[in-house]
Amino acid sequence: MSEAESTPKKQKSRKRDLIEWGLIIVIAITLYTTGYHTEVIGTIQRGLLLTGIIRPDTTPEAEDIREASFNFPLITIDGEQTSLKEFEGKTIFLNFWATWCPPCIAEMPNIQDLYDDLKDNDDVVFVMLSLDEDPDVAKAFLERKEFTLPVYFRAGRQPGVYNSTVVPTTYIISPEGNIVSEKRGMAKYNTSSFKEFLTGL
């Protein structure tokens, strides 16, 4: 093939590449400006969770177990004042999440499934603590996704024992008042081994 013949093909190929990249950029900008990028990324990450590779620790080392703090004022999704103290003596699944966090979006369906399986167990409570500044944003998200998880908001100082720079972070607090598991980042919780861990504390 002569150089003269290959030039139009190269130009067509370059034009096609530009169109493809242009479409990708337009889609990316559209997702970010509409706010759908969080859910799209979360959906992709949910696929990773389905593999079961990322799981919480159910065999904590003695040196990793530490005392929890129940001096943590909260507000329910209905605006009522409460505190983590209300749940002292029970096994607590405490999850810090936000609507702007793709890994939170990714793990939320499997936490909902776990909650559905254990909601009649009076010894296990779920505290899904939203970090959203506007509670109405979290409420709208829950309604849209039809999640029925118990959601709370901070109503005062957060105890230092729960300070994590990672969202989501999940703490499992035993009835004896100890943090027996901490998972920074998303995980698959709705497994038989994790249910046994929770109900066996």
C-alpha atoms as a PDB file:
ATOM      1  CA  MET A   1       0.000   0.000   0.000  1.00  0.00           C
ATOM      2  CA  SER A   2       1.392   3.368  -0.944  1.00  0.00           C
ATOM      3  CA  GLU A   3       1.835   6.203   1.501  1.00  0.00           C
ATOM      4  CA  ALA A   4      -0.844   8.172  -0.355  1.00  0.00           C
ATOM      5  CA  GLU A   5      -3.365   5.367   0.197  1.00  0.00           C
ATOM      6  CA  SER A   6      -2.525   4.876   3.885  1.00  0.00           C
ATOM      7  CA  THR A   7      -2.903   8.580   4.756  1.00  0.00           C
ATOM      8  CA  PRO A   8      -6.747   8.674   4.421  1.00  0.00           C
ATOM      9  CA  LYS A   9      -6.978   5.492   6.537  1.00  0.00           C
ATOM     10  CA  LYS A  10      -4.818   7.047   9.243  1.00  0.00           C
ATOM     11  CA  GLN A  11      -6.954  10.176   9.152  1.00  0.00           C
ATOM     12  CA  LYS A  12     -10.154   8.110   9.492  1.00  0.00           C
ATOM     13  CA  SER A  13      -8.653   6.154  12.372  1.00  0.00           C
ATOM     14  CA  ARG A  14      -7.562   9.379  14.100  1.00  0.00           C
ATOM     15  CA  LYS A  15     -11.021  10.878  13.577  1.00  0.00           C
ATOM     16  CA  ARG A  16     -12.684   7.755  15.030  1.00  0.00           C
ATOM     17  CA  ASP A  17     -10.355   7.888  18.067  1.00  0.00           C
ATOM     18  CA  LEU A  18     -11.201  11.552  18.635  1.00  0.00           C
ATOM     19  CA  ILE A  19     -14.945  10.819  18.430  1.00  0.00           C
ATOM     20  CA  GLU A  20     -14.616   7.899  20.886  1.00  0.00           C
ATOM     21  CA  TRP A  21     -12.594   9.964  23.369  1.00  0.00           C
ATOM     22  CA  GLY A  22     -14.999  12.860  22.928  1.00  0.00           C
ATOM     23  CA  LEU A  23     -17.933  10.583  23.830  1.00  0.00           C
ATOM     24  CA  ILE A  24     -16.089   9.230  26.876  1.00  0.00           C
ATOM     25  CA  ILE A  25     -15.338  12.762  28.080  1.00  0.00           C
ATOM     26  CA  VAL A  26     -18.933  13.907  27.503  1.00  0.00           C
ATOM     27  CA  ILE A  27     -20.281  10.886  29.416  1.00  0.00           C
ATOM     28  CA  ALA A  28     -17.823  11.464  32.286  1.00  0.00           C
ATOM     29  CA  ILE A  29     -18.720  15.178  32.520  1.00  0.00           C
ATOM     30  CA  THR A  30     -22.434  14.339  32.382  1.00  0.00           C
ATOM     31  CA  LEU A  31     -22.091  11.760  35.184  1.00  0.00           C
ATOM     32  CA  TYR A  32     -20.158  14.177  37.401  1.00  0.00           C
ATOM     33  CA  THR A  33     -22.411  17.182  36.803  1.00  0.00           C
ATOM     34  CA  THR A  34     -25.582  15.162  37.422  1.00  0.00           C
ATOM     35  CA  GLY A  35     -24.091  13.394  40.463  1.00  0.00           C
ATOM     36  CA  TYR A  36     -24.612   9.912  38.997  1.00  0.00           C
ATOM     37  CA  HIS A  37     -20.879   9.126  38.973  1.00  0.00           C
ATOM     38  CA  THR A  38     -21.075   7.956  42.601  1.00  0.00           C
ATOM     39  CA  GLU A  39     -23.726   5.362  41.816  1.00  0.00           C
ATOM     40  CA  VAL A  40     -22.031   4.232  38.603  1.00  0.00           C
ATOM     41  CA  ILE A  41     -18.694   3.718  40.378  1.00  0.00           C
ATOM     42  CA  GLY A  42     -20.517   2.092  43.306  1.00  0.00           C
ATOM     43  CA  THR A  43     -22.261  -0.334  40.953  1.00  0.00           C
ATOM     44  CA  ILE A  44     -18.929  -1.311  39.417  1.00  0.00           C
ATOM     45  CA  GLN A  45     -17.430  -1.833  42.888  1.00  0.00           C
ATOM     46  CA  ARG A  46     -20.456  -3.946  43.869  1.00  0.00           C
ATOM     47  CA  GLY A  47     -19.332  -6.416  41.228  1.00  0.00           C
ATOM     48  CA  LEU A  48     -16.032  -6.742  43.105  1.00  0.00           C
ATOM     49  CA  LEU A  49     -17.886  -7.437  46.350  1.00  0.00           C
ATOM     50  CA  LEU A  50     -19.869 -10.221  44.690  1.00  0.00           C
ATOM     51  CA  THR A  51     -16.622 -12.164  44.309  1.00  0.00           C
ATOM     52  CA  GLY A  52     -16.464 -12.447  48.112  1.00  0.00           C
ATOM     53  CA  ILE A  53     -12.778 -11.484  48.148  1.00  0.00           C
ATOM     54  CA  ILE A  54     -13.241  -8.457  50.425  1.00  0.00           C
ATOM     55  CA  ARG A  55     -14.581  -9.614  53.784  1.00  0.00           C
ATOM     56  CA  PRO A  56     -14.555  -8.317  57.342  1.00  0.00           C
ATOM     57  CA  ASP A  57     -12.302  -9.919  59.949  1.00  0.00           C
ATOM     58  CA  THR A  58     -14.178 -12.476  62.045  1.00  0.00           C
ATOM     59  CA  THR A  59     -11.144 -13.767  63.951  1.00  0.00           C
ATOM     60  CA  PRO A  60      -9.754 -10.724  65.772  1.00  0.00           C
ATOM     61  CA  GLU A  61      -6.416 -10.911  67.553  1.00  0.00           C
ATOM     62  CA  ALA A  62      -6.508 -10.127  71.284  1.00  0.00           C
ATOM     63  CA  GLU A  63      -4.293  -7.052  70.793  1.00  0.00           C
ATOM     64  CA  ASP A  64      -6.740  -5.615  68.240  1.00  0.00           C
ATOM     65  CA  ILE A  65      -9.706  -5.714  70.640  1.00  0.00           C
ATOM     66  CA  ARG A  66     -10.258  -2.404  72.431  1.00  0.00           C
ATOM     67  CA  GLU A  67     -12.874  -0.720  74.550  1.00  0.00           C
ATOM     68  CA  ALA A  68     -15.751   0.959  72.730  1.00  0.00           C
ATOM     69  CA  SER A  69     -17.238   4.304  73.730  1.00  0.00           C
ATOM     70  CA  PHE A  70     -20.986   4.656  74.178  1.00  0.00           C
ATOM     71  CA  ASN A  71     -20.846   8.387  74.899  1.00  0.00           C
ATOM     72  CA  PHE A  72     -21.926   9.189  71.352  1.00  0.00           C
ATOM     73  CA  PRO A  73     -25.048  11.378  70.889  1.00  0.00           C
ATOM     74  CA  LEU A  74     -27.083  10.544  67.798  1.00  0.00           C
ATOM     75  CA  ILE A  75     -30.198  11.673  65.964  1.00  0.00           C
ATOM     76  CA  THR A  76     -32.513   9.161  64.320  1.00  0.00           C
ATOM     77  CA  ILE A  77     -33.649   9.607  60.745  1.00  0.00           C
ATOM     78  CA  ASP A  78     -36.950  10.868  62.203  1.00  0.00           C
ATOM     79  CA  GLY A  79     -35.131  13.599  64.143  1.00  0.00           C
ATOM     80  CA  GLU A  80     -35.283  12.034  67.620  1.00  0.00           C
ATOM     81  CA  GLN A  81     -32.383  12.410  70.047  1.00  0.00           C
ATOM     82  CA  THR A  82     -30.704   9.193  71.147  1.00  0.00           C
ATOM     83  CA  SER A  83     -27.245   7.831  71.907  1.00  0.00           C
ATOM     84  CA  LEU A  84     -25.111   4.774  71.271  1.00  0.00           C
ATOM     85  CA  LYS A  85     -25.603   4.191  75.008  1.00  0.00           C
ATOM     86  CA  GLU A  86     -29.138   2.993  74.139  1.00  0.00           C
ATOM     87  CA  PHE A  87     -27.626  -0.129  72.590  1.00  0.00           C
ATOM     88  CA  GLU A  88     -25.071  -0.969  75.259  1.00  0.00           C
ATOM     89  CA  GLY A  89     -25.170  -4.670  76.132  1.00  0.00           C
ATOM     90  CA  LYS A  90     -26.057  -5.708  72.569  1.00  0.00           C
ATOM     91  CA  THR A  91     -23.952  -6.600  69.547  1.00  0.00           C
ATOM     92  CA  ILE A  92     -23.689  -3.397  67.487  1.00  0.00           C
ATOM     93  CA  PHE A  93     -23.004  -3.192  63.766  1.00  0.00           C
ATOM     94  CA  LEU A  94     -21.795   0.424  63.490  1.00  0.00           C
ATOM     95  CA  ASN A  95     -21.223   1.585  59.930  1.00  0.00           C
ATOM     96  CA  PHE A  96     -20.042   5.071  58.867  1.00  0.00           C
ATOM     97  CA  TRP A  97     -21.261   5.830  55.345  1.00  0.00           C
ATOM     98  CA  ALA A  98     -22.297   8.669  53.020  1.00  0.00           C
ATOM     99  CA  THR A  99     -24.269   9.101  49.811  1.00  0.00           C
ATOM    100  CA  TRP A 100     -21.207  10.686  48.133  1.00  0.00           C
ATOM    101  CA  CYS A 101     -19.089   7.576  48.782  1.00  0.00           C
ATOM    102  CA  PRO A 102     -19.036   4.952  45.960  1.00  0.00           C
ATOM    103  CA  PRO A 103     -17.768   2.071  48.182  1.00  0.00           C
ATOM    104  CA  CYS A 104     -20.631   2.833  50.602  1.00  0.00           C
ATOM    105  CA  ILE A 105     -23.107   2.584  47.735  1.00  0.00           C
ATOM    106  CA  ALA A 106     -21.444  -0.677  46.703  1.00  0.00           C
ATOM    107  CA  GLU A 107     -21.750  -2.396  50.083  1.00  0.00           C
ATOM    108  CA  MET A 108     -25.161  -1.028  51.114  1.00  0.00           C
ATOM    109  CA  PRO A 109     -27.295  -3.701  49.357  1.00  0.00           C
ATOM    110  CA  ASN A 110     -25.468  -6.562  51.063  1.00  0.00           C
ATOM    111  CA  ILE A 111     -25.740  -4.791  54.443  1.00  0.00           C
ATOM    112  CA  GLN A 112     -29.475  -4.423  53.784  1.00  0.00           C
ATOM    113  CA  ASP A 113     -29.652  -8.180  53.129  1.00  0.00           C
ATOM    114  CA  LEU A 114     -27.748  -8.858  56.360  1.00  0.00           C
ATOM    115  CA  TYR A 115     -30.116  -6.558  58.245  1.00  0.00           C
ATOM    116  CA  ASP A 116     -33.158  -8.292  56.732  1.00  0.00           C
ATOM    117  CA  ASP A 117     -31.816 -11.642  57.950  1.00  0.00           C
ATOM    118  CA  LEU A 118     -31.061 -10.411  61.483  1.00  0.00           C
ATOM    119  CA  LYS A 119     -33.607  -7.649  62.173  1.00  0.00           C
ATOM    120  CA  ASP A 120     -35.729  -9.980  64.334  1.00  0.00           C
ATOM    121  CA  ASN A 121     -32.705 -10.833  66.492  1.00  0.00           C
ATOM    122  CA  ASP A 122     -33.050  -8.564  69.534  1.00  0.00           C
ATOM    123  CA  ASP A 123     -29.398  -9.089  70.476  1.00  0.00           C
ATOM    124  CA  VAL A 124     -28.018  -7.480  67.301  1.00  0.00           C
ATOM    125  CA  VAL A 125     -28.577  -3.826  66.362  1.00  0.00           C
ATOM    126  CA  PHE A 126     -27.574  -1.867  63.283  1.00  0.00           C
ATOM    127  CA  VAL A 127     -26.420   1.750  63.494  1.00  0.00           C
ATOM    128  CA  MET A 128     -25.891   3.097  59.987  1.00  0.00           C
ATOM    129  CA  LEU A 129     -24.324   6.475  60.699  1.00  0.00           C
ATOM    130  CA  SER A 130     -24.638   8.873  57.781  1.00  0.00           C
ATOM    131  CA  LEU A 131     -21.871  11.451  57.324  1.00  0.00           C
ATOM    132  CA  ASP A 132     -23.994  13.515  54.933  1.00  0.00           C
ATOM    133  CA  GLU A 133     -24.227  17.143  56.035  1.00  0.00           C
ATOM    134  CA  ASP A 134     -27.830  17.360  54.848  1.00  0.00           C
ATOM    135  CA  PRO A 135     -30.033  14.608  56.370  1.00  0.00           C
ATOM    136  CA  ASP A 136     -32.584  15.130  53.594  1.00  0.00           C
ATOM    137  CA  VAL A 137     -30.021  13.932  51.039  1.00  0.00           C
ATOM    138  CA  ALA A 138     -29.573  10.672  52.964  1.00  0.00           C
ATOM    139  CA  LYS A 139     -33.349  10.282  53.388  1.00  0.00           C
ATOM    140  CA  ALA A 140     -33.970  10.776  49.671  1.00  0.00           C
ATOM    141  CA  PHE A 141     -31.277   8.231  48.835  1.00  0.00           C
ATOM    142  CA  LEU A 142     -32.750   5.616  51.203  1.00  0.00           C
ATOM    143  CA  GLU A 143     -36.245   6.137  49.828  1.00  0.00           C
ATOM    144  CA  ARG A 144     -35.072   5.925  46.225  1.00  0.00           C
ATOM    145  CA  LYS A 145     -33.152   2.705  46.895  1.00  0.00           C
ATOM    146  CA  GLU A 146     -35.912   1.342  49.171  1.00  0.00           C
ATOM    147  CA  PHE A 147     -33.414   0.669  51.979  1.00  0.00           C
ATOM    148  CA  THR A 148     -34.953   0.123  55.421  1.00  0.00           C
ATOM    149  CA  LEU A 149     -31.737   0.125  57.443  1.00  0.00           C
ATOM    150  CA  PRO A 150     -31.785   2.115  60.723  1.00  0.00           C
ATOM    151  CA  VAL A 151     -29.957   5.352  59.848  1.00  0.00           C
ATOM    152  CA  TYR A 152     -28.607   7.899  62.328  1.00  0.00           C
ATOM    153  CA  PHE A 153     -26.704  11.189  62.263  1.00  0.00           C
ATOM    154  CA  ARG A 154     -24.150  12.632  64.670  1.00  0.00           C
ATOM    155  CA  ALA A 155     -25.613  14.942  67.288  1.00  0.00           C
ATOM    156  CA  GLY A 156     -22.415  15.791  69.128  1.00  0.00           C
ATOM    157  CA  ARG A 157     -18.766  14.935  69.529  1.00  0.00           C
ATOM    158  CA  GLN A 158     -17.659  11.677  67.939  1.00  0.00           C
ATOM    159  CA  PRO A 159     -15.521   9.573  70.313  1.00  0.00           C
ATOM    160  CA  GLY A 160     -11.905   9.276  69.188  1.00  0.00           C
ATOM    161  CA  VAL A 161     -12.078   5.486  69.160  1.00  0.00           C
ATOM    162  CA  TYR A 162     -14.245   5.759  66.019  1.00  0.00           C
ATOM    163  CA  ASN A 163     -12.005   8.195  64.165  1.00  0.00           C
ATOM    164  CA  SER A 164     -11.163   6.798  60.751  1.00  0.00           C
ATOM    165  CA  THR A 165     -10.022   8.614  57.641  1.00  0.00           C
ATOM    166  CA  VAL A 166     -11.689   5.929  55.494  1.00  0.00           C
ATOM    167  CA  VAL A 167     -15.337   5.870  54.456  1.00  0.00           C
ATOM    168  CA  PRO A 168     -16.973   3.440  54.839  1.00  0.00           C
ATOM    169  CA  THR A 169     -15.653   2.077  58.115  1.00  0.00           C
ATOM    170  CA  THR A 170     -17.513  -0.564  60.107  1.00  0.00           C
ATOM    171  CA  TYR A 171     -17.041  -1.409  63.785  1.00  0.00           C
ATOM    172  CA  ILE A 172     -18.503  -4.462  65.496  1.00  0.00           C
ATOM    173  CA  ILE A 173     -19.075  -3.853  69.205  1.00  0.00           C
ATOM    174  CA  SER A 174     -19.597  -6.839  71.473  1.00  0.00           C
ATOM    175  CA  PRO A 175     -22.198  -6.998  74.284  1.00  0.00           C
ATOM    176  CA  GLU A 176     -19.235  -6.660  76.685  1.00  0.00           C
ATOM    177  CA  GLY A 177     -18.500  -3.219  75.212  1.00  0.00           C
ATOM    178  CA  ASN A 178     -15.435  -4.019  73.110  1.00  0.00           C
ATOM    179  CA  ILE A 179     -14.668  -3.271  69.474  1.00  0.00           C
ATOM    180  CA  VAL A 180     -13.978  -6.785  68.236  1.00  0.00           C
ATOM    181  CA  SER A 181     -13.784  -6.022  64.521  1.00  0.00           C
ATOM    182  CA  GLU A 182     -12.956  -2.953  62.447  1.00  0.00           C
ATOM    183  CA  LYS A 183     -13.158  -2.891  58.672  1.00  0.00           C
ATOM    184  CA  ARG A 184     -11.928   0.187  56.827  1.00  0.00           C
ATOM    185  CA  GLY A 185     -13.350   0.239  53.333  1.00  0.00           C
ATOM    186  CA  MET A 186     -16.138  -1.769  51.780  1.00  0.00           C
ATOM    187  CA  ALA A 187     -16.756  -5.457  52.467  1.00  0.00           C
ATOM    188  CA  LYS A 188     -19.206  -8.268  51.873  1.00  0.00           C
ATOM    189  CA  TYR A 189     -21.042  -8.758  55.174  1.00  0.00           C
ATOM    190  CA  ASN A 190     -23.971 -10.940  54.213  1.00  0.00           C
ATOM    191  CA  THR A 191     -22.156 -14.258  54.556  1.00  0.00           C
ATOM    192  CA  SER A 192     -22.889 -17.235  56.786  1.00  0.00           C
ATOM    193  CA  SER A 193     -19.535 -16.889  58.569  1.00  0.00           C
ATOM    194  CA  PHE A 194     -20.136 -13.216  59.391  1.00  0.00           C
ATOM    195  CA  LYS A 195     -23.693 -13.908  60.585  1.00  0.00           C
ATOM    196  CA  GLU A 196     -22.325 -16.623  62.873  1.00  0.00           C
ATOM    197  CA  PHE A 197     -19.713 -14.167  64.135  1.00  0.00           C
ATOM    198  CA  LEU A 198     -22.333 -11.500  64.915  1.00  0.00           C
ATOM    199  CA  THR A 199     -24.866 -13.802  66.561  1.00  0.00           C
ATOM    200  CA  GLY A 200     -22.174 -15.683  68.485  1.00  0.00           C
ATOM    201  CA  LEU A 201     -20.759 -12.668  70.338  1.00  0.00           C
END
